[in-house]
Amino acid sequence: MKVRDMVQKLGLKVFSGESGLENEIAGGYVSDLLSDVMGNTDENFVWMTLQTHKNIMAVASLKELAAIIIVKGLQPDEDTIAHSNEEGVPLLGTDMETFEISGKLYGFLNN
């Protein structure tokens, strides 16, 4: 599944990083600890978090993630949006809780 398909199926908001909407998704990961994400995600995963600061983009770039979903209706910082556009990593948003969005993504990826 491509990030663009996930955005459509889950009704996600695209904050930035539109150039990465064709990224392929290999899986998902949920964590709000940057060190946990750095140590445990794989390339082309979608990271679901409530973090909104620019350091999430540094982690996403380092791990070559497919996209980041910010949960609970939170808004990313302007620096985060700018970094997302530079790196081409989509920064997405949802009003859903992490539990709900991760369950829906899991369902789509495993059907």
C-alpha atoms as a PDB file:
ATOM      1  CA  MET A   1       0.000   0.000   0.000  1.00  0.00           C
ATOM      2  CA  LYS A   2       1.211   3.497  -0.786  1.00  0.00           C
ATOM      3  CA  VAL A   3       0.987   6.419   1.642  1.00  0.00           C
ATOM      4  CA  ARG A   4      -1.502   8.096  -0.711  1.00  0.00           C
ATOM      5  CA  ASP A   5      -3.840   5.070  -0.431  1.00  0.00           C
ATOM      6  CA  MET A   6      -3.564   5.091   3.363  1.00  0.00           C
ATOM      7  CA  VAL A   7      -4.399   8.812   3.487  1.00  0.00           C
ATOM      8  CA  GLN A   8      -7.528   8.212   1.453  1.00  0.00           C
ATOM      9  CA  LYS A   9      -8.690   5.082   3.305  1.00  0.00           C
ATOM     10  CA  LEU A  10      -8.118   6.544   6.766  1.00  0.00           C
ATOM     11  CA  GLY A  11      -9.212  10.110   5.990  1.00  0.00           C
ATOM     12  CA  LEU A  12      -5.900  11.597   7.115  1.00  0.00           C
ATOM     13  CA  LYS A  13      -4.898  15.239   6.799  1.00  0.00           C
ATOM     14  CA  VAL A  14      -1.704  15.913   4.848  1.00  0.00           C
ATOM     15  CA  PHE A  15       0.254  18.649   6.619  1.00  0.00           C
ATOM     16  CA  SER A  16       3.372  18.436   4.438  1.00  0.00           C
ATOM     17  CA  GLY A  17       5.785  16.173   2.582  1.00  0.00           C
ATOM     18  CA  GLU A  18       3.458  15.610  -0.382  1.00  0.00           C
ATOM     19  CA  SER A  19       6.381  14.462  -2.535  1.00  0.00           C
ATOM     20  CA  GLY A  20       6.495  11.272  -0.425  1.00  0.00           C
ATOM     21  CA  LEU A  21       2.862  10.247  -0.915  1.00  0.00           C
ATOM     22  CA  GLU A  22       3.972   7.510  -3.329  1.00  0.00           C
ATOM     23  CA  ASN A  23       6.154   5.871  -0.646  1.00  0.00           C
ATOM     24  CA  GLU A  24       5.384   2.208  -0.102  1.00  0.00           C
ATOM     25  CA  ILE A  25       4.323   1.158   3.390  1.00  0.00           C
ATOM     26  CA  ALA A  26       5.939  -1.961   4.873  1.00  0.00           C
ATOM     27  CA  GLY A  27       4.437  -1.757   8.373  1.00  0.00           C
ATOM     28  CA  GLY A  28       3.650   0.521  11.271  1.00  0.00           C
ATOM     29  CA  TYR A  29       5.096   1.490  14.628  1.00  0.00           C
ATOM     30  CA  VAL A  30       3.633   3.261  17.641  1.00  0.00           C
ATOM     31  CA  SER A  31       5.787   5.109  20.152  1.00  0.00           C
ATOM     32  CA  ASP A  32       6.296   8.556  21.613  1.00  0.00           C
ATOM     33  CA  LEU A  33       9.941   7.927  22.563  1.00  0.00           C
ATOM     34  CA  LEU A  34      12.385   8.958  19.857  1.00  0.00           C
ATOM     35  CA  SER A  35      15.035   6.502  21.051  1.00  0.00           C
ATOM     36  CA  ASP A  36      12.511   3.648  20.905  1.00  0.00           C
ATOM     37  CA  VAL A  37      11.597   4.515  17.327  1.00  0.00           C
ATOM     38  CA  MET A  38      15.264   4.789  16.324  1.00  0.00           C
ATOM     39  CA  GLY A  39      15.982   1.374  17.795  1.00  0.00           C
ATOM     40  CA  ASN A  40      12.937  -0.550  16.647  1.00  0.00           C
ATOM     41  CA  THR A  41      11.385   0.711  13.402  1.00  0.00           C
ATOM     42  CA  ASP A  42      12.221  -0.467   9.945  1.00  0.00           C
ATOM     43  CA  GLU A  43      12.501   1.307   6.619  1.00  0.00           C
ATOM     44  CA  ASN A  44       9.147   2.238   5.034  1.00  0.00           C
ATOM     45  CA  PHE A  45       7.198   1.969   8.282  1.00  0.00           C
ATOM     46  CA  VAL A  46       4.528   4.490   9.273  1.00  0.00           C
ATOM     47  CA  TRP A  47       5.184   5.993  12.695  1.00  0.00           C
ATOM     48  CA  MET A  48       2.180   6.995  14.828  1.00  0.00           C
ATOM     49  CA  THR A  49       2.923   9.494  17.612  1.00  0.00           C
ATOM     50  CA  LEU A  50       1.679  12.497  19.540  1.00  0.00           C
ATOM     51  CA  GLN A  51       5.039  14.252  19.190  1.00  0.00           C
ATOM     52  CA  THR A  52       4.928  17.393  17.010  1.00  0.00           C
ATOM     53  CA  HIS A  53       8.440  18.905  17.230  1.00  0.00           C
ATOM     54  CA  LYS A  54      11.064  18.877  14.481  1.00  0.00           C
ATOM     55  CA  ASN A  55      13.094  16.045  16.035  1.00  0.00           C
ATOM     56  CA  ILE A  56      10.498  13.561  14.774  1.00  0.00           C
ATOM     57  CA  MET A  57      11.566  14.437  11.245  1.00  0.00           C
ATOM     58  CA  ALA A  58      15.205  13.757  12.066  1.00  0.00           C
ATOM     59  CA  VAL A  59      14.238  10.275  13.254  1.00  0.00           C
ATOM     60  CA  ALA A  60      11.996   9.704  10.229  1.00  0.00           C
ATOM     61  CA  SER A  61      14.813  10.657   7.876  1.00  0.00           C
ATOM     62  CA  LEU A  62      17.385   8.551   9.706  1.00  0.00           C
ATOM     63  CA  LYS A  63      15.148   5.467   9.629  1.00  0.00           C
ATOM     64  CA  GLU A  64      13.790   6.176   6.111  1.00  0.00           C
ATOM     65  CA  LEU A  65      10.186   5.986   7.291  1.00  0.00           C
ATOM     66  CA  ALA A  66       7.292   6.099   4.827  1.00  0.00           C
ATOM     67  CA  ALA A  67       5.306   8.673   6.836  1.00  0.00           C
ATOM     68  CA  ILE A  68       4.438  10.014  10.272  1.00  0.00           C
ATOM     69  CA  ILE A  69       0.880  10.226  11.608  1.00  0.00           C
ATOM     70  CA  ILE A  70       0.291  12.726  14.403  1.00  0.00           C
ATOM     71  CA  VAL A  71      -2.680  11.610  16.499  1.00  0.00           C
ATOM     72  CA  LYS A  72      -5.376  13.209  18.692  1.00  0.00           C
ATOM     73  CA  GLY A  73      -5.837  16.291  16.495  1.00  0.00           C
ATOM     74  CA  LEU A  74      -2.433  17.690  17.437  1.00  0.00           C
ATOM     75  CA  GLN A  75      -0.729  20.111  15.043  1.00  0.00           C
ATOM     76  CA  PRO A  76       2.922  19.970  13.976  1.00  0.00           C
ATOM     77  CA  ASP A  77       5.301  22.860  14.611  1.00  0.00           C
ATOM     78  CA  GLU A  78       6.225  25.075  11.635  1.00  0.00           C
ATOM     79  CA  ASP A  79       9.822  23.791  11.796  1.00  0.00           C
ATOM     80  CA  THR A  80       8.512  20.238  11.607  1.00  0.00           C
ATOM     81  CA  ILE A  81       6.455  21.046   8.515  1.00  0.00           C
ATOM     82  CA  ALA A  82       9.434  22.697   6.823  1.00  0.00           C
ATOM     83  CA  HIS A  83      11.678  19.712   7.570  1.00  0.00           C
ATOM     84  CA  SER A  84       9.004  17.320   6.275  1.00  0.00           C
ATOM     85  CA  ASN A  85       8.893  19.175   2.966  1.00  0.00           C
ATOM     86  CA  GLU A  86      12.706  19.155   2.719  1.00  0.00           C
ATOM     87  CA  GLU A  87      12.941  15.412   3.401  1.00  0.00           C
ATOM     88  CA  GLY A  88       9.870  14.337   1.406  1.00  0.00           C
ATOM     89  CA  VAL A  89       8.478  12.392   4.364  1.00  0.00           C
ATOM     90  CA  PRO A  90       4.713  12.917   4.612  1.00  0.00           C
ATOM     91  CA  LEU A  91       3.535  14.405   7.883  1.00  0.00           C
ATOM     92  CA  LEU A  92      -0.075  13.385   8.396  1.00  0.00           C
ATOM     93  CA  GLY A  93      -2.709  14.027  11.026  1.00  0.00           C
ATOM     94  CA  THR A  94      -5.826  12.477  12.515  1.00  0.00           C
ATOM     95  CA  ASP A  95      -8.251  13.227  15.333  1.00  0.00           C
ATOM     96  CA  MET A  96      -8.233   9.523  16.239  1.00  0.00           C
ATOM     97  CA  GLU A  97      -6.492   8.132  19.301  1.00  0.00           C
ATOM     98  CA  THR A  98      -3.327   6.123  18.671  1.00  0.00           C
ATOM     99  CA  PHE A  99      -5.051   2.846  19.521  1.00  0.00           C
ATOM    100  CA  GLU A 100      -7.764   3.429  16.916  1.00  0.00           C
ATOM    101  CA  ILE A 101      -5.548   4.590  14.044  1.00  0.00           C
ATOM    102  CA  SER A 102      -2.990   1.830  14.606  1.00  0.00           C
ATOM    103  CA  GLY A 103      -5.732  -0.816  14.596  1.00  0.00           C
ATOM    104  CA  LYS A 104      -7.173   0.515  11.351  1.00  0.00           C
ATOM    105  CA  LEU A 105      -3.759   0.666   9.673  1.00  0.00           C
ATOM    106  CA  TYR A 106      -2.969  -2.857  10.855  1.00  0.00           C
ATOM    107  CA  GLY A 107      -6.246  -4.064   9.356  1.00  0.00           C
ATOM    108  CA  PHE A 108      -5.532  -2.465   5.976  1.00  0.00           C
ATOM    109  CA  LEU A 109      -1.991  -3.799   5.810  1.00  0.00           C
ATOM    110  CA  ASN A 110      -2.953  -7.352   6.747  1.00  0.00           C
ATOM    111  CA  ASN A 111      -5.958  -7.948   4.496  1.00  0.00           C
END
